[in-house]
Amino acid sequence: MIFVNDLPFSTHTHSSQGEDILLALLENPVLLSASSSFKANPEKKFSVFDESNPERSKVVYVFQREYATVNPEFVDFVGTDEATTCVGLVIRNRRNGMTSVAHMDSPEIVETGISQMLSLLVDDSTEIELDVHLIGGFEDVSLQHENGSTVSESHTDLDGYSFPLCTKIVQTLWTREEKFHIKTICVLGHNTRRDLDGITFPLFNGFVVDTATGILVPASFDRSSRCPDEIIRRIRVSTSYEDANWNGKLLETYDTGTDRFKIAPCRWTLRQYQIALSLQHYSDSEILSICSTSPSAEAPDFVDSLRRKWNYMIEHPHWKETFPKNQPRVFERGSDGRWRRC
């Protein structure tokens, strides 16, 4: 059930189709204003080496296909970046400030993924009010057809990645019983810029949530702050696509109750090792073309991150070296706010 401005939301045609709901939300004046306000905020930059932050804010970082539900008593900020066609979804319990953030990369993980996010946010009562923000995705295809009709009028299937993902998210929120108050929907055209050649790019690739207030601002994280266990978590995302245990699910890495990261074992196969070995021989431009859903929109360190991941798999071909005795890699927060391996 979707609310906007604390009122039940409906489309002009009272349609329950995901495309119609999405386009109506994108055109809603209240949400247009909220999107503009979000974009007006300066981007917050995170780095472990930022000495201007003496109090060492407690941050939880979420990679692609991961989610984390955080308690404001333990965590100051939770966020993600590196999103191009992916969408960041935030669900926050108004009553206690518990906040869940997911980095959605496919419509196939949305339904179960939202259930995972809600598992620690709601109890048996459906009366809990939940604030929701959608940030990310961009117009990797146009929402306008050559004849001028919109998608909602023609219902033509769209290629691309962002639109089907956004559609699936709002459709799922619409059909569930919980009360979802959409506060921000900065996606697709609202998150798109064009260069002189008309090539589209996302305005923002990331955001962060202040857990005390629920306020979102654009954000970026450098390599040092995409932690802990950056490379292993990147590998885990890649291997999860071939692991039936994670079909249709978001990856769990953060333990809400203990404020620890627990990176469950993941197995890279001989086939995945050989793929890594093969891809390392390609040029940067070829890697972008092969490995990205939006090659022109990726960050400058996209290829470098892939190469570092592949290098690790090549140097450690046996996953048991990384996960001895099939045990998770556990990290706890030190007194200085930095993560340390237990």
C-alpha atoms as a PDB file:
ATOM      1  CA  MET A   1       0.000   0.000   0.000  1.00  0.00           C
ATOM      2  CA  ILE A   2       1.508   3.310  -1.099  1.00  0.00           C
ATOM      3  CA  PHE A   3       0.979   6.713   0.490  1.00  0.00           C
ATOM      4  CA  VAL A   4       2.182  10.121  -0.686  1.00  0.00           C
ATOM      5  CA  ASN A   5       1.978  13.174   1.557  1.00  0.00           C
ATOM      6  CA  ASP A   6       0.318  10.897   4.156  1.00  0.00           C
ATOM      7  CA  LEU A   7      -2.593  10.139   1.811  1.00  0.00           C
ATOM      8  CA  PRO A   8      -3.359   6.866  -0.011  1.00  0.00           C
ATOM      9  CA  PHE A   9      -1.965   7.106  -3.526  1.00  0.00           C
ATOM     10  CA  SER A  10      -3.837   6.261  -6.702  1.00  0.00           C
ATOM     11  CA  THR A  11      -3.207   6.833 -10.382  1.00  0.00           C
ATOM     12  CA  HIS A  12      -5.466   9.041 -12.482  1.00  0.00           C
ATOM     13  CA  THR A  13      -6.878   5.923 -14.131  1.00  0.00           C
ATOM     14  CA  HIS A  14      -6.947   3.921 -10.873  1.00  0.00           C
ATOM     15  CA  SER A  15      -4.678   1.419 -12.575  1.00  0.00           C
ATOM     16  CA  SER A  16      -2.744  -1.162 -10.576  1.00  0.00           C
ATOM     17  CA  GLN A  17      -0.211  -1.739 -13.354  1.00  0.00           C
ATOM     18  CA  GLY A  18       3.372  -1.157 -12.249  1.00  0.00           C
ATOM     19  CA  GLU A  19       4.190   1.094 -15.207  1.00  0.00           C
ATOM     20  CA  ASP A  20       1.201   3.356 -14.534  1.00  0.00           C
ATOM     21  CA  ILE A  21       1.950   3.564 -10.813  1.00  0.00           C
ATOM     22  CA  LEU A  22       5.591   4.443 -11.470  1.00  0.00           C
ATOM     23  CA  LEU A  23       4.833   7.149 -14.020  1.00  0.00           C
ATOM     24  CA  ALA A  24       2.160   8.663 -11.774  1.00  0.00           C
ATOM     25  CA  LEU A  25       4.623   8.795  -8.877  1.00  0.00           C
ATOM     26  CA  LEU A  26       7.241  10.435 -11.092  1.00  0.00           C
ATOM     27  CA  GLU A  27       4.737  13.149 -12.040  1.00  0.00           C
ATOM     28  CA  ASN A  28       3.399  13.758  -8.522  1.00  0.00           C
ATOM     29  CA  PRO A  29       4.049  17.407  -7.494  1.00  0.00           C
ATOM     30  CA  VAL A  30       4.964  16.515  -3.902  1.00  0.00           C
ATOM     31  CA  LEU A  31       7.509  13.945  -5.059  1.00  0.00           C
ATOM     32  CA  LEU A  32       8.826  16.234  -7.784  1.00  0.00           C
ATOM     33  CA  SER A  33       9.564  18.793  -5.080  1.00  0.00           C
ATOM     34  CA  ALA A  34      11.205  16.148  -2.877  1.00  0.00           C
ATOM     35  CA  SER A  35      13.389  15.001  -5.765  1.00  0.00           C
ATOM     36  CA  SER A  36      14.486  18.576  -6.437  1.00  0.00           C
ATOM     37  CA  SER A  37      15.309  19.053  -2.759  1.00  0.00           C
ATOM     38  CA  PHE A  38      17.394  15.870  -2.725  1.00  0.00           C
ATOM     39  CA  LYS A  39      19.334  16.961  -5.812  1.00  0.00           C
ATOM     40  CA  ALA A  40      19.987  20.397  -4.308  1.00  0.00           C
ATOM     41  CA  ASN A  41      22.023  18.875  -1.473  1.00  0.00           C
ATOM     42  CA  PRO A  42      25.816  18.832  -1.865  1.00  0.00           C
ATOM     43  CA  GLU A  43      27.282  15.367  -2.249  1.00  0.00           C
ATOM     44  CA  LYS A  44      28.686  13.952   0.984  1.00  0.00           C
ATOM     45  CA  LYS A  45      32.040  12.254   0.427  1.00  0.00           C
ATOM     46  CA  PHE A  46      33.189   9.393   2.629  1.00  0.00           C
ATOM     47  CA  SER A  47      36.761   8.301   3.224  1.00  0.00           C
ATOM     48  CA  VAL A  48      38.383   6.369   6.044  1.00  0.00           C
ATOM     49  CA  PHE A  49      41.252   8.842   5.803  1.00  0.00           C
ATOM     50  CA  ASP A  50      39.069  11.923   6.289  1.00  0.00           C
ATOM     51  CA  GLU A  51      40.741  13.668   9.218  1.00  0.00           C
ATOM     52  CA  SER A  52      38.069  16.381   9.228  1.00  0.00           C
ATOM     53  CA  ASN A  53      35.757  13.877  10.904  1.00  0.00           C
ATOM     54  CA  PRO A  54      37.387  13.457  14.326  1.00  0.00           C
ATOM     55  CA  GLU A  55      34.380  11.733  15.868  1.00  0.00           C
ATOM     56  CA  ARG A  56      34.616   8.918  13.296  1.00  0.00           C
ATOM     57  CA  SER A  57      31.000   8.477  12.268  1.00  0.00           C
ATOM     58  CA  LYS A  58      29.827   4.888  12.347  1.00  0.00           C
ATOM     59  CA  VAL A  59      28.996   3.937   8.769  1.00  0.00           C
ATOM     60  CA  VAL A  60      27.602   0.803   7.128  1.00  0.00           C
ATOM     61  CA  TYR A  61      28.317   0.460   3.412  1.00  0.00           C
ATOM     62  CA  VAL A  62      26.126  -1.645   1.101  1.00  0.00           C
ATOM     63  CA  PHE A  63      27.465  -3.189  -2.111  1.00  0.00           C
ATOM     64  CA  GLN A  64      25.463  -4.180  -5.191  1.00  0.00           C
ATOM     65  CA  ARG A  65      22.865  -6.881  -4.481  1.00  0.00           C
ATOM     66  CA  GLU A  66      23.402  -6.499  -0.727  1.00  0.00           C
ATOM     67  CA  TYR A  67      21.134  -5.094   1.941  1.00  0.00           C
ATOM     68  CA  ALA A  68      21.672  -3.983   5.517  1.00  0.00           C
ATOM     69  CA  THR A  69      19.203  -3.154   8.262  1.00  0.00           C
ATOM     70  CA  VAL A  70      20.728  -0.869  10.875  1.00  0.00           C
ATOM     71  CA  ASN A  71      19.847   0.302  14.360  1.00  0.00           C
ATOM     72  CA  PRO A  72      20.368   4.054  14.904  1.00  0.00           C
ATOM     73  CA  GLU A  73      21.765   3.261  18.348  1.00  0.00           C
ATOM     74  CA  PHE A  74      24.763   1.597  16.656  1.00  0.00           C
ATOM     75  CA  VAL A  75      25.066   3.292  13.254  1.00  0.00           C
ATOM     76  CA  ASP A  76      25.200   6.949  12.192  1.00  0.00           C
ATOM     77  CA  PHE A  77      25.023   6.532   8.417  1.00  0.00           C
ATOM     78  CA  VAL A  78      24.089   3.755   6.008  1.00  0.00           C
ATOM     79  CA  GLY A  79      24.510   4.100   2.278  1.00  0.00           C
ATOM     80  CA  THR A  80      25.654   2.817  -1.073  1.00  0.00           C
ATOM     81  CA  ASP A  81      27.081   4.062  -4.362  1.00  0.00           C
ATOM     82  CA  GLU A  82      28.375   2.700  -7.707  1.00  0.00           C
ATOM     83  CA  ALA A  83      24.781   2.572  -8.978  1.00  0.00           C
ATOM     84  CA  THR A  84      24.104   3.252 -12.639  1.00  0.00           C
ATOM     85  CA  THR A  85      21.122   1.175 -13.775  1.00  0.00           C
ATOM     86  CA  CYS A  86      20.727  -0.190 -10.231  1.00  0.00           C
ATOM     87  CA  VAL A  87      18.355   1.384  -7.704  1.00  0.00           C
ATOM     88  CA  GLY A  88      18.942   2.083  -4.042  1.00  0.00           C
ATOM     89  CA  LEU A  89      15.897   1.375  -1.887  1.00  0.00           C
ATOM     90  CA  VAL A  90      15.500   2.754   1.636  1.00  0.00           C
ATOM     91  CA  ILE A  91      12.779   1.627   4.047  1.00  0.00           C
ATOM     92  CA  ARG A  92      12.693   3.267   7.488  1.00  0.00           C
ATOM     93  CA  ASN A  93      10.455   2.535  10.454  1.00  0.00           C
ATOM     94  CA  ARG A  94       9.049   5.885  11.570  1.00  0.00           C
ATOM     95  CA  ARG A  95       8.541   4.686  15.138  1.00  0.00           C
ATOM     96  CA  ASN A  96      12.042   3.522  16.044  1.00  0.00           C
ATOM     97  CA  GLY A  97      14.278   4.745  13.222  1.00  0.00           C
ATOM     98  CA  MET A  98      15.377   1.257  12.176  1.00  0.00           C
ATOM     99  CA  THR A  99      16.520   1.635   8.580  1.00  0.00           C
ATOM    100  CA  SER A 100      17.072  -0.890   5.807  1.00  0.00           C
ATOM    101  CA  VAL A 101      19.007  -0.075   2.633  1.00  0.00           C
ATOM    102  CA  ALA A 102      19.272  -2.315  -0.424  1.00  0.00           C
ATOM    103  CA  HIS A 103      21.200  -1.976  -3.667  1.00  0.00           C
ATOM    104  CA  MET A 104      18.786  -3.599  -6.122  1.00  0.00           C
ATOM    105  CA  ASP A 105      20.206  -4.756  -9.454  1.00  0.00           C
ATOM    106  CA  SER A 106      17.445  -6.897 -10.960  1.00  0.00           C
ATOM    107  CA  PRO A 107      13.644  -7.219 -10.910  1.00  0.00           C
ATOM    108  CA  GLU A 108      14.102 -10.892  -9.975  1.00  0.00           C
ATOM    109  CA  ILE A 109      15.296 -10.042  -6.456  1.00  0.00           C
ATOM    110  CA  VAL A 110      12.727  -7.364  -5.631  1.00  0.00           C
ATOM    111  CA  GLU A 111       9.869  -9.338  -4.057  1.00  0.00           C
ATOM    112  CA  THR A 112      11.977 -11.537  -1.798  1.00  0.00           C
ATOM    113  CA  GLY A 113      14.436  -8.703  -1.257  1.00  0.00           C
ATOM    114  CA  ILE A 114      11.768  -6.382   0.131  1.00  0.00           C
ATOM    115  CA  SER A 115      10.576  -9.173   2.421  1.00  0.00           C
ATOM    116  CA  GLN A 116      14.161  -9.548   3.658  1.00  0.00           C
ATOM    117  CA  MET A 117      14.386  -5.816   4.315  1.00  0.00           C
ATOM    118  CA  LEU A 118      11.113  -5.805   6.234  1.00  0.00           C
ATOM    119  CA  SER A 119      11.974  -8.812   8.386  1.00  0.00           C
ATOM    120  CA  LEU A 120      13.646  -6.649  11.047  1.00  0.00           C
ATOM    121  CA  LEU A 121      11.589  -3.507  10.465  1.00  0.00           C
ATOM    122  CA  VAL A 122       8.064  -4.693  11.176  1.00  0.00           C
ATOM    123  CA  ASP A 123       6.357  -7.013  13.616  1.00  0.00           C
ATOM    124  CA  ASP A 124       2.999  -8.724  13.208  1.00  0.00           C
ATOM    125  CA  SER A 125       1.253  -5.360  13.023  1.00  0.00           C
ATOM    126  CA  THR A 126       0.687  -3.848   9.594  1.00  0.00           C
ATOM    127  CA  GLU A 127      -0.072  -0.482  11.215  1.00  0.00           C
ATOM    128  CA  ILE A 128       3.587   0.501  11.323  1.00  0.00           C
ATOM    129  CA  GLU A 129       4.313   3.506   9.123  1.00  0.00           C
ATOM    130  CA  LEU A 130       7.310   3.093   6.809  1.00  0.00           C
ATOM    131  CA  ASP A 131       9.117   5.874   4.959  1.00  0.00           C
ATOM    132  CA  VAL A 132      10.482   4.855   1.559  1.00  0.00           C
ATOM    133  CA  HIS A 133      13.057   6.420  -0.753  1.00  0.00           C
ATOM    134  CA  LEU A 134      14.107   5.266  -4.238  1.00  0.00           C
ATOM    135  CA  ILE A 135      17.365   6.691  -5.558  1.00  0.00           C
ATOM    136  CA  GLY A 136      19.238   5.661  -8.684  1.00  0.00           C
ATOM    137  CA  GLY A 137      18.661   4.261 -12.111  1.00  0.00           C
ATOM    138  CA  PHE A 138      18.538   6.633 -15.065  1.00  0.00           C
ATOM    139  CA  GLU A 139      17.070   6.878 -18.537  1.00  0.00           C
ATOM    140  CA  ASP A 140      19.166   4.220 -20.212  1.00  0.00           C
ATOM    141  CA  VAL A 141      16.226   4.149 -22.657  1.00  0.00           C
ATOM    142  CA  SER A 142      13.746   6.916 -23.360  1.00  0.00           C
ATOM    143  CA  LEU A 143      10.311   6.809 -21.761  1.00  0.00           C
ATOM    144  CA  GLN A 144       8.919   8.685 -24.762  1.00  0.00           C
ATOM    145  CA  HIS A 145       8.035   6.910 -28.009  1.00  0.00           C
ATOM    146  CA  GLU A 146       8.537   8.359 -31.457  1.00  0.00           C
ATOM    147  CA  ASN A 147       4.821   9.092 -31.792  1.00  0.00           C
ATOM    148  CA  GLY A 148       4.909  11.066 -28.546  1.00  0.00           C
ATOM    149  CA  SER A 149       2.945   8.566 -26.491  1.00  0.00           C
ATOM    150  CA  THR A 150       4.153   7.602 -23.058  1.00  0.00           C
ATOM    151  CA  VAL A 151       4.792   4.111 -21.796  1.00  0.00           C
ATOM    152  CA  SER A 152       1.619   4.224 -19.718  1.00  0.00           C
ATOM    153  CA  GLU A 153      -0.415   4.797 -22.881  1.00  0.00           C
ATOM    154  CA  SER A 154       1.194   2.182 -25.079  1.00  0.00           C
ATOM    155  CA  HIS A 155       2.390  -0.422 -22.548  1.00  0.00           C
ATOM    156  CA  THR A 156       5.194  -1.221 -24.961  1.00  0.00           C
ATOM    157  CA  ASP A 157       7.923  -3.402 -23.488  1.00  0.00           C
ATOM    158  CA  LEU A 158      11.065  -1.406 -22.860  1.00  0.00           C
ATOM    159  CA  ASP A 159      14.608  -2.532 -23.295  1.00  0.00           C
ATOM    160  CA  GLY A 160      17.118  -1.312 -20.781  1.00  0.00           C
ATOM    161  CA  TYR A 161      17.516  -2.032 -17.101  1.00  0.00           C
ATOM    162  CA  SER A 162      16.393   0.875 -14.939  1.00  0.00           C
ATOM    163  CA  PHE A 163      12.739   1.128 -15.947  1.00  0.00           C
ATOM    164  CA  PRO A 164      11.784  -2.550 -15.404  1.00  0.00           C
ATOM    165  CA  LEU A 165      13.556  -2.506 -12.032  1.00  0.00           C
ATOM    166  CA  CYS A 166      11.800   0.662 -10.848  1.00  0.00           C
ATOM    167  CA  THR A 167       8.483  -0.693 -12.096  1.00  0.00           C
ATOM    168  CA  LYS A 168       8.906  -3.927 -10.162  1.00  0.00           C
ATOM    169  CA  ILE A 169       9.791  -2.079  -6.947  1.00  0.00           C
ATOM    170  CA  VAL A 170       6.734   0.195  -6.949  1.00  0.00           C
ATOM    171  CA  GLN A 171       4.453  -2.647  -8.052  1.00  0.00           C
ATOM    172  CA  THR A 172       5.652  -4.756  -5.124  1.00  0.00           C
ATOM    173  CA  LEU A 173       5.181  -1.920  -2.627  1.00  0.00           C
ATOM    174  CA  TRP A 174       1.705  -1.279  -4.050  1.00  0.00           C
ATOM    175  CA  THR A 175       0.512  -4.858  -3.596  1.00  0.00           C
ATOM    176  CA  ARG A 176       1.855  -5.422  -0.069  1.00  0.00           C
ATOM    177  CA  GLU A 177      -0.247  -4.734   3.045  1.00  0.00           C
ATOM    178  CA  GLU A 178       2.305  -2.551   4.837  1.00  0.00           C
ATOM    179  CA  LYS A 179       1.937   1.227   4.719  1.00  0.00           C
ATOM    180  CA  PHE A 180       4.734   2.631   2.559  1.00  0.00           C
ATOM    181  CA  HIS A 181       5.059   6.414   2.545  1.00  0.00           C
ATOM    182  CA  ILE A 182       7.023   7.375  -0.563  1.00  0.00           C
ATOM    183  CA  LYS A 183       9.208  10.321   0.443  1.00  0.00           C
ATOM    184  CA  THR A 184      11.685  10.477  -2.446  1.00  0.00           C
ATOM    185  CA  ILE A 185      11.694   8.951  -5.924  1.00  0.00           C
ATOM    186  CA  CYS A 186      14.778  10.315  -7.659  1.00  0.00           C
ATOM    187  CA  VAL A 187      15.012   7.750 -10.453  1.00  0.00           C
ATOM    188  CA  LEU A 188      14.961   7.573 -14.249  1.00  0.00           C
ATOM    189  CA  GLY A 189      14.471  11.047 -15.768  1.00  0.00           C
ATOM    190  CA  HIS A 190      14.831  12.744 -12.387  1.00  0.00           C
ATOM    191  CA  ASN A 191      18.302  11.218 -12.071  1.00  0.00           C
ATOM    192  CA  THR A 192      19.496  11.771 -15.642  1.00  0.00           C
ATOM    193  CA  ARG A 193      21.818  14.236 -17.319  1.00  0.00           C
ATOM    194  CA  ARG A 194      22.892  14.392 -20.963  1.00  0.00           C
ATOM    195  CA  ASP A 195      26.168  15.375 -22.549  1.00  0.00           C
ATOM    196  CA  LEU A 196      26.503  17.385 -25.754  1.00  0.00           C
ATOM    197  CA  ASP A 197      26.056  14.211 -27.816  1.00  0.00           C
ATOM    198  CA  GLY A 198      22.830  13.336 -26.037  1.00  0.00           C
ATOM    199  CA  ILE A 199      24.359  10.406 -24.157  1.00  0.00           C
ATOM    200  CA  THR A 200      22.652   9.911 -20.804  1.00  0.00           C
ATOM    201  CA  PHE A 201      24.316   9.535 -17.415  1.00  0.00           C
ATOM    202  CA  PRO A 202      23.003   9.299 -13.853  1.00  0.00           C
ATOM    203  CA  LEU A 203      23.164  12.536 -11.893  1.00  0.00           C
ATOM    204  CA  PHE A 204      23.964  10.608  -8.723  1.00  0.00           C
ATOM    205  CA  ASN A 205      25.415   7.155  -8.196  1.00  0.00           C
ATOM    206  CA  GLY A 206      24.951   6.965  -4.447  1.00  0.00           C
ATOM    207  CA  PHE A 207      23.369   8.283  -1.295  1.00  0.00           C
ATOM    208  CA  VAL A 208      23.581   8.032   2.454  1.00  0.00           C
ATOM    209  CA  VAL A 209      20.909   8.000   5.159  1.00  0.00           C
ATOM    210  CA  ASP A 210      21.377   9.804   8.462  1.00  0.00           C
ATOM    211  CA  THR A 211      19.870   7.193  10.768  1.00  0.00           C
ATOM    212  CA  ALA A 212      19.038   9.703  13.500  1.00  0.00           C
ATOM    213  CA  THR A 213      16.906  11.918  11.261  1.00  0.00           C
ATOM    214  CA  GLY A 214      16.079   9.747   8.246  1.00  0.00           C
ATOM    215  CA  ILE A 215      17.403  12.475   5.942  1.00  0.00           C
ATOM    216  CA  LEU A 216      18.999  11.356   2.653  1.00  0.00           C
ATOM    217  CA  VAL A 217      21.708  13.201   0.749  1.00  0.00           C
ATOM    218  CA  PRO A 218      23.741  12.290  -2.340  1.00  0.00           C
ATOM    219  CA  ALA A 219      26.970  10.539  -1.396  1.00  0.00           C
ATOM    220  CA  SER A 220      30.085   8.924  -2.771  1.00  0.00           C
ATOM    221  CA  PHE A 221      32.515   6.552  -1.102  1.00  0.00           C
ATOM    222  CA  ASP A 222      36.175   6.107  -1.943  1.00  0.00           C
ATOM    223  CA  ARG A 223      37.813   2.683  -1.962  1.00  0.00           C
ATOM    224  CA  SER A 224      38.876   2.957   1.673  1.00  0.00           C
ATOM    225  CA  SER A 225      35.295   3.490   2.850  1.00  0.00           C
ATOM    226  CA  ARG A 226      33.722   0.652   0.829  1.00  0.00           C
ATOM    227  CA  CYS A 227      34.461  -1.688   3.648  1.00  0.00           C
ATOM    228  CA  PRO A 228      34.992  -4.041   5.292  1.00  0.00           C
ATOM    229  CA  ASP A 229      36.309  -6.827   3.057  1.00  0.00           C
ATOM    230  CA  GLU A 230      35.714  -5.002  -0.211  1.00  0.00           C
ATOM    231  CA  ILE A 231      37.217  -7.518  -2.635  1.00  0.00           C
ATOM    232  CA  ILE A 232      35.643 -10.591  -1.035  1.00  0.00           C
ATOM    233  CA  ARG A 233      32.237  -8.952  -1.009  1.00  0.00           C
ATOM    234  CA  ARG A 234      32.626  -8.063  -4.684  1.00  0.00           C
ATOM    235  CA  ILE A 235      33.528 -11.676  -5.439  1.00  0.00           C
ATOM    236  CA  ARG A 236      30.549 -12.853  -3.410  1.00  0.00           C
ATOM    237  CA  VAL A 237      28.218 -10.754  -5.555  1.00  0.00           C
ATOM    238  CA  SER A 238      29.628 -12.345  -8.716  1.00  0.00           C
ATOM    239  CA  THR A 239      29.494 -15.909  -7.431  1.00  0.00           C
ATOM    240  CA  SER A 240      25.954 -15.494  -6.080  1.00  0.00           C
ATOM    241  CA  TYR A 241      24.556 -15.450  -9.616  1.00  0.00           C
ATOM    242  CA  GLU A 242      25.532 -19.117  -9.964  1.00  0.00           C
ATOM    243  CA  ASP A 243      24.581 -20.121  -6.415  1.00  0.00           C
ATOM    244  CA  ALA A 244      21.043 -21.511  -6.185  1.00  0.00           C
ATOM    245  CA  ASN A 245      20.938 -20.634  -2.480  1.00  0.00           C
ATOM    246  CA  TRP A 246      20.775 -16.945  -3.421  1.00  0.00           C
ATOM    247  CA  ASN A 247      18.298 -17.126  -6.298  1.00  0.00           C
ATOM    248  CA  GLY A 248      15.935 -14.178  -6.012  1.00  0.00           C
ATOM    249  CA  LYS A 249      17.528 -12.959  -2.776  1.00  0.00           C
ATOM    250  CA  LEU A 250      19.588 -10.046  -1.580  1.00  0.00           C
ATOM    251  CA  LEU A 251      22.918 -10.890   0.020  1.00  0.00           C
ATOM    252  CA  GLU A 252      23.113 -10.671   3.795  1.00  0.00           C
ATOM    253  CA  THR A 253      26.395  -9.355   5.156  1.00  0.00           C
ATOM    254  CA  TYR A 254      25.608  -7.121   8.124  1.00  0.00           C
ATOM    255  CA  ASP A 255      24.368  -8.407  11.496  1.00  0.00           C
ATOM    256  CA  THR A 256      21.945  -5.829  12.880  1.00  0.00           C
ATOM    257  CA  GLY A 257      21.964  -6.987  16.494  1.00  0.00           C
ATOM    258  CA  THR A 258      25.735  -7.111  16.963  1.00  0.00           C
ATOM    259  CA  ASP A 259      26.847  -4.318  14.588  1.00  0.00           C
ATOM    260  CA  ARG A 260      29.185  -6.768  12.883  1.00  0.00           C
ATOM    261  CA  PHE A 261      29.782  -7.845   9.324  1.00  0.00           C
ATOM    262  CA  LYS A 262      29.608 -11.584   8.733  1.00  0.00           C
ATOM    263  CA  ILE A 263      30.711 -12.461   5.213  1.00  0.00           C
ATOM    264  CA  ALA A 264      29.351 -15.938   4.579  1.00  0.00           C
ATOM    265  CA  PRO A 265      31.519 -18.368   2.580  1.00  0.00           C
ATOM    266  CA  CYS A 266      31.203 -18.205  -1.178  1.00  0.00           C
ATOM    267  CA  ARG A 267      32.704 -20.633  -3.649  1.00  0.00           C
ATOM    268  CA  TRP A 268      34.301 -19.629  -6.896  1.00  0.00           C
ATOM    269  CA  THR A 269      34.433 -22.479  -9.343  1.00  0.00           C
ATOM    270  CA  LEU A 270      37.086 -23.480 -11.845  1.00  0.00           C
ATOM    271  CA  ARG A 271      34.870 -21.969 -14.528  1.00  0.00           C
ATOM    272  CA  GLN A 272      34.750 -18.623 -12.707  1.00  0.00           C
ATOM    273  CA  TYR A 273      38.513 -18.753 -12.186  1.00  0.00           C
ATOM    274  CA  GLN A 274      39.005 -19.323 -15.915  1.00  0.00           C
ATOM    275  CA  ILE A 275      36.651 -16.456 -16.769  1.00  0.00           C
ATOM    276  CA  ALA A 276      38.652 -14.133 -14.495  1.00  0.00           C
ATOM    277  CA  LEU A 277      41.870 -15.287 -16.156  1.00  0.00           C
ATOM    278  CA  SER A 278      40.416 -14.653 -19.604  1.00  0.00           C
ATOM    279  CA  LEU A 279      38.918 -11.243 -18.853  1.00  0.00           C
ATOM    280  CA  GLN A 280      42.196  -9.883 -17.514  1.00  0.00           C
ATOM    281  CA  HIS A 281      43.578  -9.984 -21.065  1.00  0.00           C
ATOM    282  CA  TYR A 282      40.986  -7.568 -22.422  1.00  0.00           C
ATOM    283  CA  SER A 283      41.501  -3.823 -22.729  1.00  0.00           C
ATOM    284  CA  ASP A 284      39.687  -1.438 -20.398  1.00  0.00           C
ATOM    285  CA  SER A 285      37.230  -0.429 -23.119  1.00  0.00           C
ATOM    286  CA  GLU A 286      36.484  -4.066 -23.929  1.00  0.00           C
ATOM    287  CA  ILE A 287      35.900  -4.841 -20.248  1.00  0.00           C
ATOM    288  CA  LEU A 288      33.457  -1.940 -20.011  1.00  0.00           C
ATOM    289  CA  SER A 289      31.571  -3.238 -23.028  1.00  0.00           C
ATOM    290  CA  ILE A 290      31.473  -6.824 -21.744  1.00  0.00           C
ATOM    291  CA  CYS A 291      30.838  -6.282 -18.042  1.00  0.00           C
ATOM    292  CA  SER A 292      28.708  -3.149 -17.692  1.00  0.00           C
ATOM    293  CA  THR A 293      25.010  -2.540 -18.290  1.00  0.00           C
ATOM    294  CA  SER A 294      25.894   1.115 -18.991  1.00  0.00           C
ATOM    295  CA  PRO A 295      29.507   1.390 -20.227  1.00  0.00           C
ATOM    296  CA  SER A 296      29.437   5.142 -20.817  1.00  0.00           C
ATOM    297  CA  ALA A 297      28.102   5.862 -17.324  1.00  0.00           C
ATOM    298  CA  GLU A 298      30.502   3.908 -15.126  1.00  0.00           C
ATOM    299  CA  ALA A 299      32.800   5.555 -12.596  1.00  0.00           C
ATOM    300  CA  PRO A 300      36.517   5.909 -13.428  1.00  0.00           C
ATOM    301  CA  ASP A 301      37.448   3.095 -11.019  1.00  0.00           C
ATOM    302  CA  PHE A 302      34.943   0.564 -12.421  1.00  0.00           C
ATOM    303  CA  VAL A 303      37.469  -1.426 -14.453  1.00  0.00           C
ATOM    304  CA  ASP A 304      40.119  -1.208 -11.741  1.00  0.00           C
ATOM    305  CA  SER A 305      37.686  -2.708  -9.219  1.00  0.00           C
ATOM    306  CA  LEU A 306      36.967  -5.588 -11.588  1.00  0.00           C
ATOM    307  CA  ARG A 307      40.660  -6.223 -12.225  1.00  0.00           C
ATOM    308  CA  ARG A 308      41.432  -6.270  -8.500  1.00  0.00           C
ATOM    309  CA  LYS A 309      38.617  -8.766  -7.967  1.00  0.00           C
ATOM    310  CA  TRP A 310      39.852 -11.010 -10.776  1.00  0.00           C
ATOM    311  CA  ASN A 311      43.435 -10.769  -9.534  1.00  0.00           C
ATOM    312  CA  TYR A 312      42.360 -12.042  -6.138  1.00  0.00           C
ATOM    313  CA  MET A 313      40.552 -15.022  -7.677  1.00  0.00           C
ATOM    314  CA  ILE A 314      43.574 -15.815  -9.850  1.00  0.00           C
ATOM    315  CA  GLU A 315      45.983 -15.555  -6.920  1.00  0.00           C
ATOM    316  CA  HIS A 316      43.626 -17.554  -4.663  1.00  0.00           C
ATOM    317  CA  PRO A 317      42.017 -20.136  -6.955  1.00  0.00           C
ATOM    318  CA  HIS A 318      40.757 -22.234  -4.040  1.00  0.00           C
ATOM    319  CA  TRP A 319      37.971 -20.543  -2.099  1.00  0.00           C
ATOM    320  CA  LYS A 320      38.826 -22.493   1.062  1.00  0.00           C
ATOM    321  CA  GLU A 321      41.981 -20.395   1.409  1.00  0.00           C
ATOM    322  CA  THR A 322      39.702 -17.419   1.989  1.00  0.00           C
ATOM    323  CA  PHE A 323      37.146 -19.284   4.095  1.00  0.00           C
ATOM    324  CA  PRO A 324      39.087 -21.846   6.184  1.00  0.00           C
ATOM    325  CA  LYS A 325      36.869 -24.576   7.608  1.00  0.00           C
ATOM    326  CA  ASN A 326      33.970 -23.043   5.676  1.00  0.00           C
ATOM    327  CA  GLN A 327      33.627 -20.298   8.296  1.00  0.00           C
ATOM    328  CA  PRO A 328      32.422 -16.728   7.692  1.00  0.00           C
ATOM    329  CA  ARG A 329      34.775 -13.772   7.790  1.00  0.00           C
ATOM    330  CA  VAL A 330      33.685 -11.631  10.755  1.00  0.00           C
ATOM    331  CA  PHE A 331      34.479  -7.956  11.279  1.00  0.00           C
ATOM    332  CA  GLU A 332      33.725  -5.791  14.294  1.00  0.00           C
ATOM    333  CA  ARG A 333      33.968  -2.054  14.743  1.00  0.00           C
ATOM    334  CA  GLY A 334      36.970  -0.747  16.687  1.00  0.00           C
ATOM    335  CA  SER A 335      36.967   2.183  19.095  1.00  0.00           C
ATOM    336  CA  ASP A 336      38.119   4.423  16.234  1.00  0.00           C
ATOM    337  CA  GLY A 337      35.099   3.406  14.136  1.00  0.00           C
ATOM    338  CA  ARG A 338      37.125   1.289  11.705  1.00  0.00           C
ATOM    339  CA  TRP A 339      36.382  -2.346  10.949  1.00  0.00           C
ATOM    340  CA  ARG A 340      38.709  -5.063  12.234  1.00  0.00           C
ATOM    341  CA  ARG A 341      38.759  -8.765  11.436  1.00  0.00           C
ATOM    342  CA  CYS A 342      37.826 -10.880  14.448  1.00  0.00           C
END
